[in-house]
Protein backbone atom coordinates (compact mmCIF):
# COMPACT_ATOMS: atom_id res chain seq x y z
CA MET A 1 62.05 68.22 127.62
CA SER A 2 61.48 70.32 131.15
CA LYS A 3 58.02 71.61 131.78
CA ASN A 4 59.82 75.01 131.88
CA TYR A 5 56.92 77.35 130.96
CA ILE A 6 57.26 80.58 129.47
CA SER A 7 55.70 82.99 130.91
CA LEU A 8 52.10 83.94 128.65
CA PRO A 9 50.15 87.09 128.78
CA THR A 10 47.16 86.79 130.21
CA ILE A 11 43.55 88.49 128.69
CA GLU A 12 44.07 91.74 131.87
CA ASP A 13 47.53 92.12 130.41
CA GLY A 14 47.20 93.11 127.04
CA GLY A 15 43.96 91.91 125.59
CA LYS A 16 41.17 94.59 124.05
CA SER A 17 38.56 92.67 125.77
CA ASN A 18 37.05 90.43 128.21
CA THR A 19 34.59 88.59 126.86
CA SER A 20 33.93 84.61 127.51
CA GLU A 21 34.74 83.69 124.17
CA ASP A 22 38.46 85.09 124.57
CA GLU A 23 38.63 83.33 127.63
CA LYS A 24 37.67 79.75 126.47
CA TYR A 25 40.15 80.71 123.20
CA PHE A 26 42.70 81.25 125.92
CA SER A 27 42.64 78.72 128.14
CA ARG A 28 41.91 76.17 125.27
CA PHE A 29 45.52 77.09 123.53
CA ILE A 30 46.97 77.09 127.45
CA HIS A 31 46.50 73.43 127.49
CA GLU A 32 47.00 72.41 123.79
CA ASP A 33 49.78 74.21 122.16
CA GLN A 34 51.92 75.41 124.94
CA GLU A 35 53.99 72.43 125.06
CA ALA A 36 54.64 73.72 120.48
CA VAL A 37 55.27 77.26 121.66
CA GLU A 38 57.91 76.58 124.24
CA GLN A 39 59.03 74.40 121.59
CA VAL A 40 59.58 77.25 119.23
CA TYR A 41 60.30 80.17 121.49
CA VAL A 42 63.38 78.00 123.31
CA ARG A 43 64.38 77.17 119.12
CA GLU A 44 64.37 80.89 118.24
CA THR A 45 65.53 83.01 121.38
CA THR A 46 68.56 80.57 122.10
CA CYS A 47 72.10 82.64 121.90
CA GLY A 48 74.66 80.94 120.44
CA TRP A 49 75.14 77.53 118.66
CA TRP A 50 76.81 73.87 119.00
CA ILE A 51 78.86 74.03 122.34
CA PHE A 52 78.70 77.84 122.59
CA LYS A 53 75.29 78.13 124.38
CA GLY A 54 74.62 78.84 128.04
CA GLY A 55 73.28 81.43 130.57
CA ILE A 56 75.82 83.29 130.09
CA LEU A 57 75.32 83.98 126.82
CA GLN A 58 72.10 84.00 127.21
CA ARG A 59 72.13 87.53 128.86
CA PHE A 60 73.37 89.23 126.19
CA ALA A 61 70.38 88.27 124.25
CA ASN A 62 68.71 91.44 124.37
CA LYS A 63 68.07 94.68 122.34
CA LYS A 64 71.15 96.82 123.93
CA ALA A 65 73.70 94.27 123.21
CA PHE A 66 72.88 94.07 119.89
CA VAL A 67 72.56 97.55 118.91
CA LEU A 68 75.79 98.00 120.39
CA LEU A 69 77.48 94.92 118.61
CA TYR A 70 76.18 95.88 115.54
CA GLY A 71 77.42 99.61 116.23
CA ILE A 72 80.38 98.74 116.60
CA VAL A 73 80.86 96.30 113.39
CA GLY A 74 79.78 99.23 111.06
CA CYS A 75 82.31 101.64 112.79
CA LEU A 76 84.83 98.76 112.34
CA PHE A 77 83.19 98.18 108.55
CA SER A 78 83.34 102.03 107.40
CA ALA A 79 86.71 101.80 109.25
CA SER A 80 88.15 99.37 106.03
CA TYR A 81 86.88 101.76 103.58
CA SER A 82 89.13 104.69 104.92
CA TYR A 83 91.84 102.65 105.60
CA ASN A 84 91.58 101.91 101.88
CA SER A 85 91.79 105.40 100.77
CA GLY A 86 94.51 106.34 102.86
CA THR A 87 97.07 103.46 101.76
CA ILE A 88 95.88 103.33 98.01
CA THR A 89 98.64 105.52 97.33
CA THR A 90 101.21 103.52 98.46
CA LEU A 91 99.70 100.38 96.53
CA GLU A 92 99.62 102.26 93.33
CA ARG A 93 104.02 103.02 93.82
CA ARG A 94 104.28 99.03 95.13
CA PHE A 95 102.83 97.13 92.39
CA LYS A 96 102.38 100.45 89.64
CA ILE A 97 99.38 100.34 89.37
CA PRO A 98 97.87 103.08 87.08
CA SER A 99 94.67 105.43 88.85
CA ARG A 100 93.10 105.03 86.25
CA THR A 101 92.95 101.63 87.13
CA THR A 102 92.70 101.62 91.15
CA GLY A 103 89.36 103.67 89.60
CA ILE A 104 88.05 100.40 87.89
CA ILE A 105 89.50 97.95 90.81
CA SER A 106 87.27 99.80 93.37
CA VAL A 107 84.19 99.97 91.61
CA GLY A 108 83.68 96.13 91.78
CA ASN A 109 82.32 96.36 94.50
CA ASP A 110 79.32 98.19 93.66
CA ILE A 111 79.08 95.65 90.65
CA SER A 112 78.70 93.02 92.85
CA GLN A 113 76.37 94.65 95.41
CA LEU A 114 74.10 95.57 92.04
CA PHE A 115 73.80 91.98 91.02
CA VAL A 116 73.27 90.06 94.01
CA SER A 117 72.10 92.15 97.10
CA VAL A 118 68.25 92.00 96.62
CA ILE A 119 68.47 88.50 96.02
CA LEU A 120 70.29 87.41 98.96
CA SER A 121 68.57 89.91 100.92
CA TYR A 122 65.22 87.92 99.58
CA TYR A 123 66.83 84.69 100.39
CA ALA A 124 68.04 85.41 103.84
CA GLY A 125 65.49 87.87 104.85
CA THR A 126 63.18 84.69 106.40
CA LYS A 127 66.53 83.17 107.71
CA HIS A 128 68.36 82.97 111.00
CA ARG A 129 69.81 86.99 110.27
CA PRO A 130 72.28 86.87 112.39
CA ARG A 131 73.74 84.04 111.07
CA TRP A 132 73.63 85.62 107.74
CA MET A 133 75.41 88.85 108.39
CA ALA A 134 78.20 87.46 109.95
CA LEU A 135 78.59 85.28 106.55
CA GLY A 136 78.32 88.37 105.47
CA LEU A 137 81.01 90.01 107.14
CA TYR A 138 82.97 87.10 106.67
CA THR A 139 83.53 87.75 103.42
CA VAL A 140 84.50 91.32 104.41
CA VAL A 141 87.66 89.34 106.07
CA LEU A 142 88.39 87.40 103.39
CA PHE A 143 88.56 90.49 101.23
CA CYS A 144 91.23 92.67 104.00
CA LEU A 145 93.30 89.10 104.24
CA MET A 146 93.15 88.56 100.00
CA THR A 147 94.18 92.27 100.24
CA ALA A 148 97.29 91.59 102.14
CA LEU A 149 97.81 88.29 100.70
CA LEU A 150 99.79 90.68 97.98
CA HIS A 151 102.34 91.61 100.25
CA TRP A 152 102.69 87.51 101.18
CA LEU A 153 103.08 86.93 97.40
CA TYR A 154 104.81 89.06 95.96
CA GLY A 155 107.21 90.60 99.02
CA ALA A 156 108.27 94.19 99.40
CA GLY A 157 109.40 94.78 96.20
CA GLU A 158 112.86 94.75 94.87
CA ASP A 159 113.31 98.74 95.25
CA ALA A 160 112.36 98.40 98.93
CA LEU A 161 114.64 95.81 100.11
CA LEU A 162 117.71 97.46 98.28
CA LEU A 163 116.84 100.17 100.54
CA THR A 164 117.83 98.10 103.71
CA ALA A 165 120.64 97.83 105.58
CA GLU A 166 120.43 93.97 105.43
CA PHE A 167 120.68 94.09 101.36
CA GLY A 168 123.85 96.26 101.68
CA ALA A 169 122.22 99.59 101.52
CA ARG A 170 123.99 102.40 103.73
CA TYR A 171 122.54 106.35 104.40
CA ASP A 172 124.00 108.58 102.03
CA GLU A 173 122.90 111.91 102.54
CA ASN A 174 123.51 113.00 99.05
CA THR A 175 121.72 109.72 97.81
CA THR A 176 117.97 111.22 99.43
CA LYS A 177 119.08 114.69 98.52
CA GLU A 178 119.10 113.77 94.55
CA VAL A 179 116.20 111.97 94.92
CA PHE A 180 114.61 115.62 96.54
CA GLU A 181 115.89 117.02 93.73
CA LYS A 182 114.23 115.31 90.95
CA GLU A 183 110.95 114.93 92.39
CA GLN A 184 111.75 119.07 92.78
CA ARG A 185 112.84 119.29 89.02
CA LYS A 186 109.39 117.73 87.86
CA SER A 187 107.56 120.86 88.76
CA LEU A 188 110.16 123.07 87.35
CA CYS A 189 110.35 124.68 83.64
CA LEU A 190 112.06 121.93 81.75
CA ALA A 191 114.44 123.57 78.97
CA ARG A 192 113.31 120.75 77.05
CA LYS A 193 109.95 118.94 75.94
CA GLN A 194 108.80 116.34 78.14
CA THR A 195 106.07 114.20 76.86
CA PHE A 196 103.41 111.55 78.60
CA ALA A 197 105.41 108.33 78.59
CA GLU A 198 107.94 110.15 80.41
CA CYS A 199 105.37 110.71 83.15
CA GLU A 200 103.80 107.26 83.39
CA THR A 201 105.74 105.18 85.82
CA LEU A 202 105.95 102.00 84.16
CA GLU A 203 103.18 99.98 84.70
CA GLY A 204 103.12 96.56 86.93
CA SER A 205 101.57 93.16 86.71
CA TYR A 206 98.22 92.05 86.11
CA ALA A 207 98.04 89.69 88.93
CA PRO A 208 97.89 92.00 91.92
CA GLN A 209 95.28 93.95 90.13
CA ILE A 210 93.04 91.11 89.12
CA ILE A 211 93.62 90.01 93.14
CA LEU A 212 92.39 93.35 94.41
CA PHE A 213 89.26 93.32 92.13
CA THR A 214 88.55 90.14 92.96
CA ALA A 215 88.75 91.03 96.55
CA GLN A 216 86.65 93.78 95.90
CA LEU A 217 83.99 91.52 94.09
CA ILE A 218 83.50 89.01 97.18
CA SER A 219 83.45 92.31 99.78
CA GLY A 220 80.34 93.61 97.64
CA MET A 221 78.48 90.22 97.59
CA GLY A 222 78.58 89.86 101.63
CA ALA A 223 78.56 93.13 102.94
CA PRO A 224 74.71 94.11 101.92
CA LEU A 225 73.82 91.24 104.36
CA TYR A 226 75.22 93.46 107.11
CA TYR A 227 72.74 96.54 106.23
CA THR A 228 69.58 95.55 104.90
CA LEU A 229 69.63 92.02 107.45
CA GLY A 230 70.82 94.31 110.65
CA ILE A 231 68.54 97.07 110.15
CA SER A 232 65.50 94.85 109.88
CA TYR A 233 66.36 92.99 112.69
CA MET A 234 66.44 96.28 114.82
CA ASP A 235 63.20 97.11 113.99
CA ASP A 236 61.58 93.36 114.11
CA ASN A 237 63.12 93.03 117.66
CA ILE A 238 62.67 96.33 119.22
CA LYS A 239 59.63 98.39 119.67
CA LYS A 240 58.50 100.43 117.22
CA SER A 241 58.73 103.76 119.40
CA LYS A 242 62.35 103.05 120.46
CA THR A 243 63.46 101.57 116.84
CA PRO A 244 64.47 105.45 115.62
CA ALA A 245 66.81 106.17 119.15
CA LEU A 246 68.56 103.09 119.19
CA ILE A 247 69.45 102.97 114.94
CA SER A 248 70.74 106.59 115.06
CA ILE A 249 72.35 105.22 118.13
CA SER A 250 74.46 102.36 115.81
CA TYR A 251 74.62 105.10 112.82
CA PHE A 252 76.18 107.49 115.24
CA LEU A 253 78.88 104.19 115.89
CA LYS A 254 79.30 103.71 112.42
CA THR A 255 80.23 107.28 111.49
CA LEU A 256 83.45 106.96 113.56
CA GLY A 257 84.72 104.51 111.19
CA PRO A 258 86.40 106.24 108.76
CA ALA A 259 88.57 108.54 111.33
CA ILE A 260 89.58 104.96 113.04
CA GLY A 261 90.48 103.92 109.63
CA TYR A 262 92.32 106.63 108.50
CA ALA A 263 94.33 106.90 111.88
CA LEU A 264 95.22 102.92 111.08
CA ALA A 265 96.38 103.85 108.27
CA SER A 266 98.67 106.73 109.41
CA VAL A 267 100.29 104.43 111.67
CA CYS A 268 100.99 101.98 109.57
CA LEU A 269 102.82 103.39 106.60
CA LYS A 270 104.96 105.25 109.47
CA ILE A 271 106.17 101.83 109.74
CA TYR A 272 108.52 100.14 106.92
CA ILE A 273 107.10 97.74 104.41
CA SER A 274 109.65 95.21 105.69
CA PRO A 275 109.38 95.80 109.52
CA THR A 276 112.04 93.02 109.90
CA LEU A 277 114.24 94.94 107.90
CA THR A 278 116.07 97.99 108.52
CA PRO A 279 115.64 101.07 106.08
CA THR A 280 118.55 103.49 105.36
CA ILE A 281 115.66 106.19 104.58
CA ASN A 282 113.19 108.30 106.89
CA ASN A 283 109.34 108.54 106.00
CA LYS A 284 109.80 111.52 104.55
CA ASP A 285 112.16 110.46 102.01
CA PRO A 286 110.23 110.26 98.40
CA ARG A 287 111.01 106.57 98.19
CA TRP A 288 109.25 105.48 101.65
CA LEU A 289 107.17 102.69 101.36
CA GLY A 290 104.94 101.97 104.72
CA ALA A 291 103.72 98.96 105.89
CA TRP A 292 100.38 99.26 104.12
CA TRP A 293 99.48 95.81 104.52
CA LEU A 294 99.99 95.52 107.98
CA GLY A 295 96.34 97.60 108.63
CA TRP A 296 94.47 94.96 106.37
CA ILE A 297 95.40 91.77 108.82
CA ILE A 298 94.56 94.23 111.66
CA LEU A 299 90.66 94.51 110.80
CA GLY A 300 90.31 91.35 109.04
CA CYS A 301 90.91 90.08 112.46
CA ILE A 302 88.82 92.02 114.51
CA ILE A 303 85.89 92.12 112.13
CA PHE A 304 86.46 88.38 112.15
CA VAL A 305 85.70 88.11 116.45
CA PHE A 306 82.92 90.48 116.23
CA ALA A 307 81.00 89.30 112.95
CA SER A 308 81.45 85.71 115.13
CA LEU A 309 80.08 87.50 118.27
CA LEU A 310 77.02 88.92 115.87
CA ALA A 311 76.62 85.02 115.10
CA LEU A 312 75.33 83.89 118.39
CA PHE A 313 72.55 86.07 118.51
CA PRO A 314 68.95 84.27 118.86
CA LYS A 315 67.20 84.27 115.18
CA GLN A 316 64.59 86.56 117.50
CA LEU A 317 65.34 88.45 121.15
CA PRO A 318 63.39 86.75 123.85
CA ARG A 319 60.80 90.11 124.32
CA ALA A 320 60.19 90.44 120.64
CA ALA A 321 59.48 86.78 120.71
CA ALA A 322 57.07 86.72 123.80
CA ARG A 323 55.21 90.20 122.49
CA ARG A 324 54.50 88.07 119.10
CA ILE A 325 53.31 85.29 120.86
CA ARG A 326 51.43 87.58 122.65
CA LYS A 327 49.39 88.90 119.65
CA GLN A 328 49.01 85.61 117.73
CA ILE A 329 46.64 84.61 121.21
CA PHE A 330 44.91 87.75 120.83
CA HIS A 331 44.39 87.79 117.64
CA ALA A 332 43.09 83.52 117.74
CA SER A 333 46.08 82.32 115.73
CA SER A 334 47.65 79.86 117.42
CA LEU A 335 51.84 79.18 116.12
CA LYS A 336 50.90 75.86 114.63
CA GLN A 337 49.00 77.91 112.13
CA GLU A 338 51.31 80.00 111.29
CA THR A 339 52.91 79.39 107.93
CA GLU A 340 55.62 80.87 105.63
CA THR A 341 55.43 81.30 102.22
CA PRO A 342 58.26 79.02 100.78
CA ILE A 343 61.40 80.58 99.08
CA SER A 344 61.15 80.50 95.77
CA PHE A 345 62.26 82.01 91.96
CA LYS A 346 58.00 82.53 91.69
CA ASP A 347 57.78 84.07 94.69
CA MET A 348 60.54 86.14 94.43
CA ILE A 349 59.41 87.61 91.65
CA LYS A 350 56.36 88.16 93.08
CA THR A 351 58.02 90.13 95.80
CA PHE A 352 59.96 92.29 93.20
CA LYS A 353 56.47 93.13 91.56
CA ARG A 354 55.27 94.23 95.07
CA LEU A 355 58.10 96.69 95.57
CA THR A 356 57.90 98.12 92.40
CA GLY A 357 54.20 98.95 92.60
CA ASN A 358 55.00 100.69 95.66
CA PRO A 359 54.58 103.98 94.86
CA THR A 360 56.60 105.75 98.38
CA LEU A 361 59.15 103.42 98.01
CA MET A 362 59.82 103.84 94.49
CA LEU A 363 59.76 107.70 94.70
CA ASN A 364 61.66 107.48 97.99
CA ASN A 365 64.57 105.26 96.45
CA PHE A 366 64.65 107.62 93.03
CA ALA A 367 65.03 110.63 95.25
CA ALA A 368 67.99 109.04 97.53
CA VAL A 369 69.29 108.69 93.70
CA PHE A 370 69.51 112.15 93.05
CA TYR A 371 70.33 112.78 96.01
CA PHE A 372 73.61 110.78 96.11
CA LEU A 373 74.21 111.22 91.89
CA GLY A 374 74.48 114.69 92.73
CA TYR A 375 76.37 114.80 95.79
CA MET A 376 79.22 112.40 95.46
CA PRO A 377 81.53 114.54 93.35
CA TYR A 378 80.79 117.41 95.81
CA TRP A 379 82.05 114.67 98.87
CA ILE A 380 84.87 113.84 96.75
CA PHE A 381 86.13 117.32 95.47
CA LEU A 382 84.82 119.23 98.59
CA PRO A 383 88.41 118.81 100.16
CA LYS A 384 90.48 120.20 97.04
CA TYR A 385 87.99 122.99 96.34
CA ILE A 386 88.55 124.37 99.94
CA GLU A 387 92.30 123.98 99.31
CA THR A 388 91.98 126.17 95.92
CA GLN A 389 89.62 128.68 96.44
CA TYR A 390 90.25 129.82 99.98
CA ARG A 391 93.80 129.32 100.22
CA GLN A 392 93.59 126.68 102.61
CA SER A 393 96.16 124.10 103.26
CA ALA A 394 96.16 120.22 102.58
CA SER A 395 95.47 119.31 106.24
CA ALA A 396 93.11 122.89 106.75
CA SER A 397 90.53 121.52 104.18
CA SER A 398 90.74 117.68 105.99
CA LEU A 399 90.03 118.91 108.83
CA ILE A 400 86.87 121.00 107.64
CA THR A 401 85.52 118.27 105.41
CA GLY A 402 86.51 115.64 107.77
CA THR A 403 86.31 116.15 111.74
CA ALA A 404 84.31 119.19 111.56
CA GLY A 405 81.62 117.20 109.29
CA LEU A 406 82.03 114.17 111.57
CA ILE A 407 80.84 115.75 114.33
CA PHE A 408 78.29 117.59 112.41
CA SER A 409 76.75 114.12 111.33
CA ALA A 410 76.96 112.94 114.31
CA ILE A 411 75.16 114.87 116.07
CA GLY A 412 72.14 115.10 113.81
CA VAL A 413 71.74 111.52 113.77
CA LEU A 414 71.65 111.36 117.42
CA LEU A 415 69.52 114.22 117.74
CA SER A 416 67.21 113.14 114.36
CA GLY A 417 66.89 109.73 116.59
CA LEU A 418 65.92 110.82 119.72
CA ILE A 419 63.02 113.77 118.55
CA VAL A 420 60.89 111.11 116.45
CA SER A 421 61.66 108.99 118.94
CA LYS A 422 59.72 111.36 121.68
CA ILE A 423 57.64 112.60 119.18
CA LYS A 424 56.83 110.08 117.06
CA PRO A 425 55.44 111.78 113.79
CA ARG A 426 53.70 110.46 111.16
CA ALA A 427 54.92 108.91 108.03
CA ARG A 428 53.78 111.87 106.37
CA THR A 429 55.57 114.73 108.43
CA LEU A 430 58.75 112.46 107.83
CA ALA A 431 58.52 112.40 104.04
CA ALA A 432 57.88 115.99 104.34
CA TRP A 433 61.40 116.08 106.27
CA ASN A 434 62.85 114.68 104.01
CA VAL A 435 62.12 116.86 101.28
CA ILE A 436 63.18 120.00 103.56
CA VAL A 437 66.57 118.12 103.70
CA GLY A 438 66.96 118.21 100.06
CA ALA A 439 65.75 121.46 99.27
CA ILE A 440 68.33 122.78 102.10
CA SER A 441 70.86 120.84 100.59
CA ILE A 442 70.36 122.07 96.94
CA PHE A 443 69.93 126.00 98.40
CA GLY A 444 73.30 125.43 100.18
CA ILE A 445 75.37 124.56 97.84
CA ILE A 446 74.19 127.02 95.48
CA SER A 447 75.33 129.64 97.88
CA TYR A 448 78.60 128.22 97.01
CA ALA A 449 78.46 130.09 94.22
CA TYR A 450 78.60 133.74 95.89
CA LEU A 451 80.59 132.53 98.95
CA GLY A 452 83.53 132.48 96.39
CA CYS A 453 86.72 134.29 96.84
CA LEU A 454 86.64 137.41 94.86
CA ASP A 455 90.35 138.53 94.93
CA ASN A 456 91.08 134.56 94.63
CA SER A 457 89.64 134.79 91.40
CA GLN A 458 91.09 137.92 90.14
CA TYR A 459 94.37 137.65 91.02
CA THR A 460 95.29 134.12 90.60
CA SER A 461 94.84 132.39 87.65
CA VAL A 462 94.58 135.01 85.02
CA ILE A 463 96.01 138.22 84.48
CA ASN A 464 94.73 141.29 82.17
CA ASN A 465 95.50 141.33 78.87
CA GLU A 466 97.42 144.55 78.57
CA HIS A 467 100.31 142.78 81.31
CA TYR A 468 100.05 139.05 79.24
CA LYS A 469 101.21 141.07 76.08
CA GLN A 470 104.60 142.49 78.37
CA VAL A 471 105.42 138.85 78.96
CA PRO A 472 103.78 136.91 76.19
CA HIS A 473 104.35 133.02 76.43
CA CYS A 474 106.55 133.21 79.06
CA HIS A 475 106.27 129.40 80.13
CA ARG A 476 105.50 127.79 76.44
CA LYS A 477 108.30 126.48 76.58
CA CYS A 478 108.30 124.78 79.61
CA SER A 479 106.33 121.57 79.17
CA CYS A 480 103.92 122.22 81.80
CA ASP A 481 101.49 120.22 80.44
CA TYR A 482 101.68 116.99 82.94
CA VAL A 483 102.66 118.86 85.92
CA LYS A 484 100.73 118.53 88.91
CA TYR A 485 98.95 121.08 90.93
CA ASN A 486 101.51 123.35 93.60
CA PRO A 487 100.56 126.48 93.61
CA VAL A 488 103.71 128.92 94.20
CA CYS A 489 103.18 132.78 94.87
CA SER A 490 104.67 135.38 92.69
CA GLU A 491 107.02 137.92 94.62
CA ASP A 492 104.64 140.74 94.96
CA ARG A 493 102.43 138.35 97.07
CA VAL A 494 99.48 138.80 94.51
CA THR A 495 99.94 136.70 91.54
CA THR A 496 99.36 132.19 92.34
CA PHE A 497 100.33 130.38 89.41
CA ILE A 498 99.49 126.24 89.11
CA SER A 499 103.14 125.64 89.51
CA ALA A 500 106.28 126.94 89.62
CA CYS A 501 106.54 125.39 86.09
CA HIS A 502 103.26 127.57 85.03
CA ALA A 503 105.37 130.42 86.80
CA GLY A 504 108.47 129.46 84.43
CA CYS A 505 110.71 128.84 87.31
CA THR A 506 113.81 126.87 86.37
CA HIS A 507 115.52 126.66 90.28
CA SER A 508 114.90 126.00 93.17
CA ASN A 509 116.23 126.04 96.96
CA PHE A 510 115.27 126.82 100.38
CA VAL A 511 115.87 129.85 102.55
CA ASN A 512 114.61 129.88 106.29
CA ALA A 513 112.98 126.23 105.74
CA THR A 514 111.19 128.34 103.01
CA LYS A 515 110.87 126.97 99.29
CA ILE A 516 111.98 129.58 96.73
CA TYR A 517 112.00 128.95 93.23
CA SER A 518 113.86 131.14 91.01
CA HIS A 519 114.62 132.17 87.05
CA CYS A 520 110.79 132.73 86.86
CA SER A 521 110.52 133.77 83.66
CA CYS A 522 106.73 135.00 84.07
CA ILE A 523 107.61 136.88 87.11
CA GLN A 524 108.93 140.45 86.24
CA SER A 525 111.43 142.07 88.89
CA LYS A 526 113.03 145.50 88.80
CA ASP A 527 116.74 145.37 89.78
CA PHE A 528 118.69 148.42 91.30
CA GLU A 529 119.02 149.93 87.34
CA ASN A 530 115.46 149.97 87.67
CA LYS A 531 115.95 146.74 85.01
CA ALA A 532 113.41 143.81 84.03
CA SER A 533 115.15 140.66 84.93
CA PRO A 534 112.87 137.05 86.12
CA GLY A 535 111.44 137.13 89.19
CA ILE A 536 111.19 134.60 92.43
CA ALA A 537 108.61 133.07 93.75
CA THR A 538 107.24 131.27 96.90
CA SER A 539 105.70 127.49 97.56
CA GLY A 540 102.22 127.92 98.40
CA ASN A 541 99.21 130.61 97.50
CA CYS A 542 99.26 134.22 98.05
CA PRO A 543 97.24 135.51 100.89
CA VAL A 544 93.47 137.13 100.09
CA ASP A 545 91.46 138.65 102.88
CA CYS A 546 88.88 136.04 102.30
CA PHE A 547 88.05 134.77 105.99
CA TYR A 548 84.35 136.29 106.00
CA LYS A 549 83.15 134.12 103.17
CA PHE A 550 85.32 130.79 104.58
CA TYR A 551 83.65 131.47 108.04
CA LEU A 552 80.41 131.41 106.11
CA PHE A 553 81.06 128.63 104.24
CA VAL A 554 81.96 126.66 106.45
CA ALA A 555 79.15 127.34 108.29
CA VAL A 556 77.04 125.96 105.24
CA VAL A 557 79.13 123.16 104.88
CA CYS A 558 78.53 122.44 108.81
CA LEU A 559 74.64 123.16 108.27
CA LEU A 560 74.45 120.73 105.17
CA LYS A 561 76.31 117.73 107.10
CA PHE A 562 74.06 118.46 110.22
CA THR A 563 70.64 118.27 108.51
CA GLY A 564 71.59 115.26 105.90
CA ALA A 565 72.65 113.21 108.94
CA THR A 566 69.12 114.55 110.38
CA GLY A 567 67.32 112.47 107.26
CA ARG A 568 68.77 109.15 107.65
CA VAL A 569 66.39 107.99 110.54
CA SER A 570 63.62 108.96 108.59
CA ASN A 571 64.01 108.05 104.70
CA PHE A 572 65.04 104.26 106.99
CA LEU A 573 61.45 104.41 109.16
CA VAL A 574 59.65 105.75 105.48
CA THR A 575 61.09 102.74 104.01
CA VAL A 576 61.10 100.42 106.17
CA ARG A 577 57.04 101.23 107.20
CA CYS A 578 55.88 101.26 103.44
CA VAL A 579 56.10 98.16 102.43
CA GLU A 580 54.75 94.82 104.28
CA GLU A 581 56.64 93.09 107.35
CA LYS A 582 58.20 90.36 105.61
CA ASP A 583 59.83 92.75 102.70
CA LYS A 584 61.34 94.81 104.68
CA SER A 585 65.12 93.09 104.06
CA VAL A 586 64.38 92.48 100.48
CA ALA A 587 62.68 96.44 100.48
CA MET A 588 66.33 97.44 101.40
CA GLY A 589 68.25 95.30 98.82
CA PHE A 590 65.94 96.33 96.32
CA GLY A 591 67.20 99.89 97.55
CA LEU A 592 70.35 99.52 97.14
CA MET A 593 70.92 97.89 93.89
CA VAL A 594 68.57 100.87 92.70
CA MET A 595 71.51 103.26 93.80
CA SER A 596 74.66 101.20 92.24
CA LEU A 597 72.72 100.91 89.39
CA CYS A 598 71.49 104.76 89.13
CA ALA A 599 74.11 106.39 91.39
CA PHE A 600 77.56 104.62 92.63
CA VAL A 601 78.62 103.44 89.30
CA PRO A 602 77.86 105.98 86.56
CA SER A 603 78.50 108.98 88.78
CA PRO A 604 82.25 108.80 88.81
CA ILE A 605 82.62 107.84 85.45
CA LEU A 606 79.39 110.61 84.50
CA PHE A 607 81.21 113.44 86.41
CA GLY A 608 84.46 112.35 85.36
CA ILE A 609 83.52 112.70 81.60
CA ILE A 610 81.87 115.96 82.71
CA ILE A 611 85.06 117.17 84.42
CA GLY A 612 87.48 116.06 81.82
CA LEU A 613 85.28 117.65 79.15
CA PHE A 614 85.63 121.12 80.78
CA GLU A 615 88.87 120.94 82.04
CA GLY A 616 89.95 120.62 78.28
CA ILE A 617 87.69 123.54 76.98
CA PHE A 618 88.80 125.61 80.18
CA LEU A 619 92.69 124.74 79.63
CA SER A 620 92.57 124.69 76.00
CA TYR A 621 91.33 128.81 76.34
CA PHE A 622 93.36 129.94 78.85
CA SER A 623 96.81 128.14 77.46
CA ASN A 624 96.31 130.25 74.42
CA ILE A 625 95.29 133.29 75.67
CA ARG A 626 95.55 134.16 79.69
CA PHE A 627 95.87 131.13 81.88
CA ARG A 628 99.20 131.56 83.72
């Protein structure tokens, strides 16, 4: 081995004293331990592995390259989740998977995180963290490929193939029109009783569902490694004063992922499920199935490339390793004297006891549990709330919750990281800010009760008893129990009904590109002889004058997005600063386990039961009294 000694510090470079004792120790260390130090330094700071080494790669062994790559991988990671959300409906239609089953499949990720996240974090926390992060990302790649594998195992499906020219199909405008009319009739008042069985599609094979659930389980096993090890690696290899700013940059890049995932889903679903065949229908036809599998292959390949690049990073970044050596020298402990606690089940139990006995960590984790437990239904149902309460279109609701929320969240993350790095507040101040963020979120959500649309509450779904007596049981024979929410507006532009079925409409057609429902028994119209007759309705909500409160509501939403994002960096710093250096990775994995156990898994189930309970009470009351 060549004697290319590393540049070790002198007493004047950073020592706190100039005593002869320190000089004697330093001189002895240089002569006796220099070669041992050099060997460890080279081994732990060399980029690459096997034949993939060299000076070119070594140039990227720095904090800026790691933060950038870590942020890009996080962006792709979150894009995979949003792509799954964007294509799940097509997947359900292709394999005839009920929505209730899809919900169970999606929980598989959280279940595996619950059982293995803290164990993997403990074991991998003392190993070569970049390579373990790459291994965790490879499980995400496997998740993507296993999901796409369904297309290669089962093909496009007979229904989709029969709509292509290669299988003898021809474009028939009348057939397409019949399909549209059949879909439209589902929302109209039917003369006969419709049963639940008629509304449910035939459930497909269990094999695709098992494959999807297995893929989710595998993804949940490795995904925590990226989060827990990546954050602790950055904190250990970056100066404490610069950690908040650089971590906020990685968080910012990660927030771009959902937009990329939904954009990719939009592009892929415009391509027919079997791109080599020629469909005889367009993507506006209800029978159209997009290439849902294509995005999974793209994401899987890209994540694999970036995960492999991440694995090339050294166990320690060179500058961080040099700082550690200086610290050991000035604390009179040579590298040979440094010993690591061997990994064992007994030590793992001790570590867990140490974490559970840390009041700051536990209180911070439980605060996060209650925050996400209450916030998850809010995030899920916010677009639908905006659509129904303020009469906004689905695209406008998505724009507010998606684009606007993304912008303010990104600004909040970046700004908080820069401020914390500049001001360097104490841990008590950071914890206090987290309390303030929680208080702002509570008062902001409570304010929604006073920002509702009064006109909407008065005229949309309920009518007064006097009017109700004039049209008793106007839609009782319409069998509207299983009709989806698709609001229509009465011809007087005042009353909005849940659907055309609830308005008692039996016919529909298009007039100047506007969908008109006619023969509506719940809407009374006067003819030229001033006689009452069934009226008409138009698709969509009736207009209401709620723009002022709507803009206030949007302002509160953006404020909550901004303040919530500012708490991410401070919450991270509280977590990693309140535990010992060796417990950082385990502490984050432990927090993820607590979140999965107490928030991510039970929240959809708990609020699903609550919503179902109140929905049943609400519908039974208003359907018998005055619900229209």
